[in-house]
Structures are given as C-alpha cells and as structure tokens.
C-alpha cells in the first residue's frame, strides 16, 4: 500500500484547511478525486472530497481510519472497487473488501447514513463488464438485506446507451474517467437518492 502514501499525506494535509468537517464525505478512487465541480454540483450536501488516485476498495479500507481521523460527517458516499477488478481481482474479493469497509465505517462513525455508488460501466473495462455486474449485485444484495444504514446508488444502467454499451460521451478520452457529462449524470442521480436539492 506504500504507493498511495503521497496521496494519503495530501488528504491529511488538506484536512487542516477544511473548516467544516461535518459535511458529506465522498470517498474512493480517482473518479471521486477528479470531481472538481463536486462542491458546485451538490452544494446542499456540503461535500468533502476525500478521493485518492488509483485507489482500490482494499486501499480505502486500509487507510480509512487514517484519512477520516479529523472528520465527523453527516453521511458517507463511497465509490471504489473499479480498480480492484481492473487489477485482476474477482467480484467476490471486491465484495469482501466492501464488507470490511462496512466494519471500519461502523467502528468509527456508528450508524452513519452511508451510500455505495455502483461500479460504472467504462468503455476501457467493458471486456470485464460481467465482473462489474457481479460485484454490483453482490454489494447491492448485501446492502438491501443486511445493512439498514447503507443505501445503494445504481448508476450502471443510466450510463448505457440504447445498444447496451457505455455512452462514450460520459467518459474522457481514456475511456475510464468521467467527462463533464458523466458527472452531470452522477450529480442528478446522487441528489435524487440522497434527497439533496439542486
């Protein structure tokens, strides 16, 4: 996990500059970190961006307490697991990492309202789309049946075109990270799920 050290130190330093640490934490991989318009898109949530580049769901568990040390959020929104599958992990492993995340979040914040954003259908990783669907299904079932303080935010279908494939305009040229149009889709669905006014 040492290769995340610079990013984690960046978040630790940034926490000293955030006056209100009681907003909504957005936590996860570079899809969160690169959401530059997050504060403007979802101001009602008073968002705090704690994404770190390239992070896996496993890394999010590993660094959770360290990154969250100074925060007392009103809710937590997580996007991670994409890179785990891209690195060759299996959906069942991502599911296990998610369950570990639930445990550390519960230990630190109690029954905090938490949300998990479904793994997105990116063009670059469309060759393993079935693994993404499987991981999403495992996690959504876990949330629905066992985790009353968690909610699942399903963005997968809304990012597909009429042909059943990812809408290319929702992604940057790398086919992995979101474009402004992609973040606009996320903003609308997250606002609806959380009850935030736009």
C-alpha atoms as a PDB file:
ATOM      1  CA  UNK A   1       0.000   0.000   0.000  1.00  0.00           C
ATOM      2  CA  UNK A   2       3.066   2.278   0.148  1.00  0.00           C
ATOM      3  CA  UNK A   3       2.415   3.634  -3.368  1.00  0.00           C
ATOM      4  CA  UNK A   4      -0.631   5.533  -2.016  1.00  0.00           C
ATOM      5  CA  UNK A   5       1.388   7.285   0.665  1.00  0.00           C
ATOM      6  CA  UNK A   6       1.765  10.634  -1.144  1.00  0.00           C
ATOM      7  CA  UNK A   7      -1.962  10.786  -1.872  1.00  0.00           C
ATOM      8  CA  UNK A   8      -2.887   9.927   1.699  1.00  0.00           C
ATOM      9  CA  UNK A   9      -0.486  12.557   3.039  1.00  0.00           C
ATOM     10  CA  UNK A  10      -2.119  15.075   0.670  1.00  0.00           C
ATOM     11  CA  UNK A  11      -5.523  14.325   2.188  1.00  0.00           C
ATOM     12  CA  UNK A  12      -4.132  14.562   5.715  1.00  0.00           C
ATOM     13  CA  UNK A  13      -2.640  17.976   4.949  1.00  0.00           C
ATOM     14  CA  UNK A  14      -5.811  19.153   3.214  1.00  0.00           C
ATOM     15  CA  UNK A  15      -7.919  18.286   6.254  1.00  0.00           C
ATOM     16  CA  UNK A  16      -6.206  21.098   8.159  1.00  0.00           C
ATOM     17  CA  UNK A  17      -7.608  23.599   5.636  1.00  0.00           C
ATOM     18  CA  UNK A  18     -11.235  22.419   5.771  1.00  0.00           C
ATOM     19  CA  UNK A  19     -13.120  24.499   8.365  1.00  0.00           C
ATOM     20  CA  UNK A  20     -16.274  22.361   8.486  1.00  0.00           C
ATOM     21  CA  UNK A  21     -15.570  18.656   8.798  1.00  0.00           C
ATOM     22  CA  UNK A  22     -19.214  17.675   9.316  1.00  0.00           C
ATOM     23  CA  UNK A  23     -20.387  17.611   5.705  1.00  0.00           C
ATOM     24  CA  UNK A  24     -20.888  14.677   3.362  1.00  0.00           C
ATOM     25  CA  UNK A  25     -17.679  12.771   2.707  1.00  0.00           C
ATOM     26  CA  UNK A  26     -17.148  11.481  -0.813  1.00  0.00           C
ATOM     27  CA  UNK A  27     -14.544   8.733  -0.507  1.00  0.00           C
ATOM     28  CA  UNK A  28     -12.905   6.449  -3.052  1.00  0.00           C
ATOM     29  CA  UNK A  29     -10.856   6.310  -6.205  1.00  0.00           C
ATOM     30  CA  UNK A  30      -9.880   8.852  -8.854  1.00  0.00           C
ATOM     31  CA  UNK A  31     -13.456   9.076 -10.146  1.00  0.00           C
ATOM     32  CA  UNK A  32     -14.144  10.880  -6.874  1.00  0.00           C
ATOM     33  CA  UNK A  33     -10.799  12.697  -6.706  1.00  0.00           C
ATOM     34  CA  UNK A  34     -11.239  14.183 -10.200  1.00  0.00           C
ATOM     35  CA  UNK A  35     -14.732  15.514  -9.486  1.00  0.00           C
ATOM     36  CA  UNK A  36     -13.549  19.119  -9.472  1.00  0.00           C
ATOM     37  CA  UNK A  37     -17.066  20.560  -9.636  1.00  0.00           C
ATOM     38  CA  UNK A  38     -18.353  18.476  -6.702  1.00  0.00           C
ATOM     39  CA  UNK A  39     -18.945  21.431  -4.360  1.00  0.00           C
ATOM     40  CA  UNK A  40     -20.754  23.378  -7.071  1.00  0.00           C
ATOM     41  CA  UNK A  41     -22.728  20.351  -8.272  1.00  0.00           C
ATOM     42  CA  UNK A  42     -24.036  19.238  -4.872  1.00  0.00           C
ATOM     43  CA  UNK A  43     -23.812  22.249  -2.548  1.00  0.00           C
ATOM     44  CA  UNK A  44     -26.693  21.064  -0.360  1.00  0.00           C
ATOM     45  CA  UNK A  45     -24.562  18.111   0.732  1.00  0.00           C
ATOM     46  CA  UNK A  46     -21.658  20.314   1.857  1.00  0.00           C
ATOM     47  CA  UNK A  47     -19.343  17.775   0.172  1.00  0.00           C
ATOM     48  CA  UNK A  48     -15.807  16.957   1.250  1.00  0.00           C
ATOM     49  CA  UNK A  49     -13.764  15.227  -1.471  1.00  0.00           C
ATOM     50  CA  UNK A  50     -11.545  12.515   0.001  1.00  0.00           C
ATOM     51  CA  UNK A  51     -10.854  10.604  -3.191  1.00  0.00           C
ATOM     52  CA  UNK A  52      -7.313   9.428  -3.869  1.00  0.00           C
ATOM     53  CA  UNK A  53      -5.952   8.472  -7.256  1.00  0.00           C
ATOM     54  CA  UNK A  54      -5.779   4.856  -8.298  1.00  0.00           C
ATOM     55  CA  UNK A  55      -7.193   3.636  -5.029  1.00  0.00           C
ATOM     56  CA  UNK A  56      -8.758   0.232  -4.734  1.00  0.00           C
ATOM     57  CA  UNK A  57     -11.555  -0.698  -2.369  1.00  0.00           C
ATOM     58  CA  UNK A  58      -8.925  -2.627  -0.442  1.00  0.00           C
ATOM     59  CA  UNK A  59      -6.855   0.581  -0.089  1.00  0.00           C
ATOM     60  CA  UNK A  60      -9.941   2.501   1.031  1.00  0.00           C
ATOM     61  CA  UNK A  61     -10.321   0.021   3.879  1.00  0.00           C
ATOM     62  CA  UNK A  62      -6.605   0.076   4.719  1.00  0.00           C
ATOM     63  CA  UNK A  63      -6.386   3.884   5.014  1.00  0.00           C
ATOM     64  CA  UNK A  64      -9.910   4.566   6.296  1.00  0.00           C
ATOM     65  CA  UNK A  65      -9.158   5.496   9.892  1.00  0.00           C
ATOM     66  CA  UNK A  66      -6.094   7.494   8.956  1.00  0.00           C
ATOM     67  CA  UNK A  67      -7.918   9.585   6.334  1.00  0.00           C
ATOM     68  CA  UNK A  68     -11.090  10.015   8.417  1.00  0.00           C
ATOM     69  CA  UNK A  69      -9.268  10.969  11.607  1.00  0.00           C
ATOM     70  CA  UNK A  70     -10.369  14.621  11.741  1.00  0.00           C
ATOM     71  CA  UNK A  71     -13.908  14.203  10.395  1.00  0.00           C
ATOM     72  CA  UNK A  72     -17.374  13.821  11.895  1.00  0.00           C
ATOM     73  CA  UNK A  73     -19.505  13.664   8.727  1.00  0.00           C
ATOM     74  CA  UNK A  74     -23.287  13.666   8.461  1.00  0.00           C
ATOM     75  CA  UNK A  75     -23.049  10.957   5.791  1.00  0.00           C
ATOM     76  CA  UNK A  76     -20.559   8.976   3.705  1.00  0.00           C
ATOM     77  CA  UNK A  77     -20.690   8.300  -0.046  1.00  0.00           C
ATOM     78  CA  UNK A  78     -18.241   5.735  -1.457  1.00  0.00           C
ATOM     79  CA  UNK A  79     -17.085   4.880  -4.963  1.00  0.00           C
ATOM     80  CA  UNK A  80     -14.380   2.204  -5.177  1.00  0.00           C
ATOM     81  CA  UNK A  81     -13.857  -1.325  -6.474  1.00  0.00           C
ATOM     82  CA  UNK A  82     -13.407  -0.364 -10.104  1.00  0.00           C
ATOM     83  CA  UNK A  83      -9.610  -0.565  -9.852  1.00  0.00           C
ATOM     84  CA  UNK A  84      -9.709  -3.816  -7.884  1.00  0.00           C
ATOM     85  CA  UNK A  85     -11.419  -5.552 -10.808  1.00  0.00           C
ATOM     86  CA  UNK A  86      -9.154  -3.754 -13.283  1.00  0.00           C
ATOM     87  CA  UNK A  87      -6.173  -5.168 -11.379  1.00  0.00           C
ATOM     88  CA  UNK A  88      -7.494  -8.713 -11.824  1.00  0.00           C
ATOM     89  CA  UNK A  89      -9.354  -9.237  -8.564  1.00  0.00           C
ATOM     90  CA  UNK A  90     -12.590 -11.229  -8.571  1.00  0.00           C
ATOM     91  CA  UNK A  91     -16.057  -9.862  -7.752  1.00  0.00           C
ATOM     92  CA  UNK A  92     -16.120 -11.966  -4.588  1.00  0.00           C
ATOM     93  CA  UNK A  93     -12.943 -10.250  -3.381  1.00  0.00           C
ATOM     94  CA  UNK A  94     -14.452  -6.824  -4.017  1.00  0.00           C
ATOM     95  CA  UNK A  95     -17.483  -7.953  -2.025  1.00  0.00           C
ATOM     96  CA  UNK A  96     -15.245  -8.986   0.870  1.00  0.00           C
ATOM     97  CA  UNK A  97     -13.446  -5.619   0.760  1.00  0.00           C
ATOM     98  CA  UNK A  98     -16.828  -3.879   0.844  1.00  0.00           C
ATOM     99  CA  UNK A  99     -17.843  -5.838   3.940  1.00  0.00           C
ATOM    100  CA  UNK A 100     -14.542  -4.835   5.561  1.00  0.00           C
ATOM    101  CA  UNK A 101     -15.284  -1.191   4.712  1.00  0.00           C
ATOM    102  CA  UNK A 102     -18.676  -1.502   6.374  1.00  0.00           C
ATOM    103  CA  UNK A 103     -16.976  -2.740   9.549  1.00  0.00           C
ATOM    104  CA  UNK A 104     -14.410   0.077   9.758  1.00  0.00           C
ATOM    105  CA  UNK A 105     -17.047   2.703   8.969  1.00  0.00           C
ATOM    106  CA  UNK A 106     -19.308   1.306  11.686  1.00  0.00           C
ATOM    107  CA  UNK A 107     -16.469   1.225  14.197  1.00  0.00           C
ATOM    108  CA  UNK A 108     -15.519   4.826  13.511  1.00  0.00           C
ATOM    109  CA  UNK A 109     -18.880   6.513  12.867  1.00  0.00           C
ATOM    110  CA  UNK A 110     -21.568   4.208  14.255  1.00  0.00           C
ATOM    111  CA  UNK A 111     -24.829   4.043  12.286  1.00  0.00           C
ATOM    112  CA  UNK A 112     -23.892   6.898   9.975  1.00  0.00           C
ATOM    113  CA  UNK A 113     -26.004   7.085   6.783  1.00  0.00           C
ATOM    114  CA  UNK A 114     -23.777   5.592   4.074  1.00  0.00           C
ATOM    115  CA  UNK A 115     -24.113   5.162   0.315  1.00  0.00           C
ATOM    116  CA  UNK A 116     -22.261   2.959  -2.142  1.00  0.00           C
ATOM    117  CA  UNK A 117     -22.169   4.056  -5.791  1.00  0.00           C
ATOM    118  CA  UNK A 118     -22.387   1.143  -8.221  1.00  0.00           C
ATOM    119  CA  UNK A 119     -19.266   0.354 -10.211  1.00  0.00           C
ATOM    120  CA  UNK A 120     -19.519   2.200 -13.503  1.00  0.00           C
ATOM    121  CA  UNK A 121     -19.548   0.614 -16.995  1.00  0.00           C
ATOM    122  CA  UNK A 122     -16.473   2.261 -18.545  1.00  0.00           C
ATOM    123  CA  UNK A 123     -15.505   1.570 -22.191  1.00  0.00           C
ATOM    124  CA  UNK A 124     -11.923   0.701 -21.202  1.00  0.00           C
ATOM    125  CA  UNK A 125     -13.085  -2.109 -18.912  1.00  0.00           C
ATOM    126  CA  UNK A 126     -16.122  -3.226 -20.872  1.00  0.00           C
ATOM    127  CA  UNK A 127     -14.357  -6.532 -21.592  1.00  0.00           C
ATOM    128  CA  UNK A 128     -14.914  -7.441 -17.932  1.00  0.00           C
ATOM    129  CA  UNK A 129     -18.400  -5.946 -17.686  1.00  0.00           C
ATOM    130  CA  UNK A 130     -19.854  -9.186 -16.323  1.00  0.00           C
ATOM    131  CA  UNK A 131     -17.474  -8.996 -13.375  1.00  0.00           C
ATOM    132  CA  UNK A 132     -18.627  -5.444 -12.699  1.00  0.00           C
ATOM    133  CA  UNK A 133     -22.252  -6.560 -12.818  1.00  0.00           C
ATOM    134  CA  UNK A 134     -21.491  -9.438 -10.470  1.00  0.00           C
ATOM    135  CA  UNK A 135     -19.716  -7.230  -7.926  1.00  0.00           C
ATOM    136  CA  UNK A 136     -22.550  -4.707  -8.082  1.00  0.00           C
ATOM    137  CA  UNK A 137     -25.108  -7.452  -7.492  1.00  0.00           C
ATOM    138  CA  UNK A 138     -23.238  -8.881  -4.509  1.00  0.00           C
ATOM    139  CA  UNK A 139     -22.874  -5.471  -2.883  1.00  0.00           C
ATOM    140  CA  UNK A 140     -26.423  -4.293  -3.610  1.00  0.00           C
ATOM    141  CA  UNK A 141     -27.855  -7.523  -2.159  1.00  0.00           C
ATOM    142  CA  UNK A 142     -25.709  -7.136   0.963  1.00  0.00           C
ATOM    143  CA  UNK A 143     -26.953  -3.572   1.429  1.00  0.00           C
ATOM    144  CA  UNK A 144     -30.599  -4.415   0.798  1.00  0.00           C
ATOM    145  CA  UNK A 145     -30.721  -7.449   3.063  1.00  0.00           C
ATOM    146  CA  UNK A 146     -28.291  -6.700   5.891  1.00  0.00           C
ATOM    147  CA  UNK A 147     -27.267  -3.039   6.130  1.00  0.00           C
ATOM    148  CA  UNK A 148     -30.084  -0.684   7.168  1.00  0.00           C
ATOM    149  CA  UNK A 149     -27.845   2.397   7.368  1.00  0.00           C
ATOM    150  CA  UNK A 150     -26.441   1.844   3.846  1.00  0.00           C
ATOM    151  CA  UNK A 151     -28.095   2.629   0.519  1.00  0.00           C
ATOM    152  CA  UNK A 152     -27.062   1.518  -2.952  1.00  0.00           C
ATOM    153  CA  UNK A 153     -26.880   4.143  -5.703  1.00  0.00           C
ATOM    154  CA  UNK A 154     -27.322   2.370  -9.030  1.00  0.00           C
ATOM    155  CA  UNK A 155     -25.732   4.389 -11.842  1.00  0.00           C
ATOM    156  CA  UNK A 156     -24.806   1.486 -14.110  1.00  0.00           C
ATOM    157  CA  UNK A 157     -27.905   1.356 -16.315  1.00  0.00           C
ATOM    158  CA  UNK A 158     -28.082   5.141 -16.690  1.00  0.00           C
ATOM    159  CA  UNK A 159     -24.609   5.145 -18.245  1.00  0.00           C
ATOM    160  CA  UNK A 160     -25.546   2.698 -21.003  1.00  0.00           C
ATOM    161  CA  UNK A 161     -26.855   3.621 -24.443  1.00  0.00           C
ATOM    162  CA  UNK A 162     -29.652   2.052 -26.463  1.00  0.00           C
ATOM    163  CA  UNK A 163     -27.135  -0.519 -27.709  1.00  0.00           C
ATOM    164  CA  UNK A 164     -26.497  -1.687 -24.140  1.00  0.00           C
ATOM    165  CA  UNK A 165     -22.926  -0.370 -24.161  1.00  0.00           C
ATOM    166  CA  UNK A 166     -21.373   2.561 -22.263  1.00  0.00           C
ATOM    167  CA  UNK A 167     -22.282   6.010 -23.550  1.00  0.00           C
ATOM    168  CA  UNK A 168     -18.946   7.249 -24.877  1.00  0.00           C
ATOM    169  CA  UNK A 169     -19.763  10.909 -24.241  1.00  0.00           C
ATOM    170  CA  UNK A 170     -19.923  10.274 -20.499  1.00  0.00           C
ATOM    171  CA  UNK A 171     -16.192   9.497 -20.416  1.00  0.00           C
ATOM    172  CA  UNK A 172     -12.899  11.218 -21.131  1.00  0.00           C
ATOM    173  CA  UNK A 173     -10.681  10.076 -23.979  1.00  0.00           C
ATOM    174  CA  UNK A 174      -9.130   7.423 -21.735  1.00  0.00           C
ATOM    175  CA  UNK A 175     -12.482   5.629 -21.662  1.00  0.00           C
ATOM    176  CA  UNK A 176     -12.194   5.265 -17.889  1.00  0.00           C
ATOM    177  CA  UNK A 177     -12.709   8.575 -16.120  1.00  0.00           C
ATOM    178  CA  UNK A 178     -15.850  10.679 -16.327  1.00  0.00           C
ATOM    179  CA  UNK A 179     -16.406  13.686 -18.556  1.00  0.00           C
ATOM    180  CA  UNK A 180     -18.453  16.714 -17.502  1.00  0.00           C
ATOM    181  CA  UNK A 181     -21.496  14.986 -18.973  1.00  0.00           C
ATOM    182  CA  UNK A 182     -20.712  11.897 -16.927  1.00  0.00           C
ATOM    183  CA  UNK A 183     -20.509  13.877 -13.708  1.00  0.00           C
ATOM    184  CA  UNK A 184     -23.798  15.589 -14.623  1.00  0.00           C
ATOM    185  CA  UNK A 185     -25.466  12.161 -14.687  1.00  0.00           C
ATOM    186  CA  UNK A 186     -23.918  11.269 -11.332  1.00  0.00           C
ATOM    187  CA  UNK A 187     -24.954  14.601  -9.808  1.00  0.00           C
ATOM    188  CA  UNK A 188     -28.604  14.141 -10.747  1.00  0.00           C
ATOM    189  CA  UNK A 189     -28.894  10.558  -9.504  1.00  0.00           C
ATOM    190  CA  UNK A 190     -26.945  11.128  -6.276  1.00  0.00           C
ATOM    191  CA  UNK A 191     -29.055  14.206  -5.493  1.00  0.00           C
ATOM    192  CA  UNK A 192     -32.232  12.207  -6.021  1.00  0.00           C
ATOM    193  CA  UNK A 193     -31.029   9.302  -3.870  1.00  0.00           C
ATOM    194  CA  UNK A 194     -29.827  11.494  -1.012  1.00  0.00           C
ATOM    195  CA  UNK A 195     -32.678  13.991  -1.168  1.00  0.00           C
ATOM    196  CA  UNK A 196     -30.297  16.874  -1.883  1.00  0.00           C
ATOM    197  CA  UNK A 197     -31.730  19.927  -3.621  1.00  0.00           C
ATOM    198  CA  UNK A 198     -30.015  21.009  -6.838  1.00  0.00           C
END
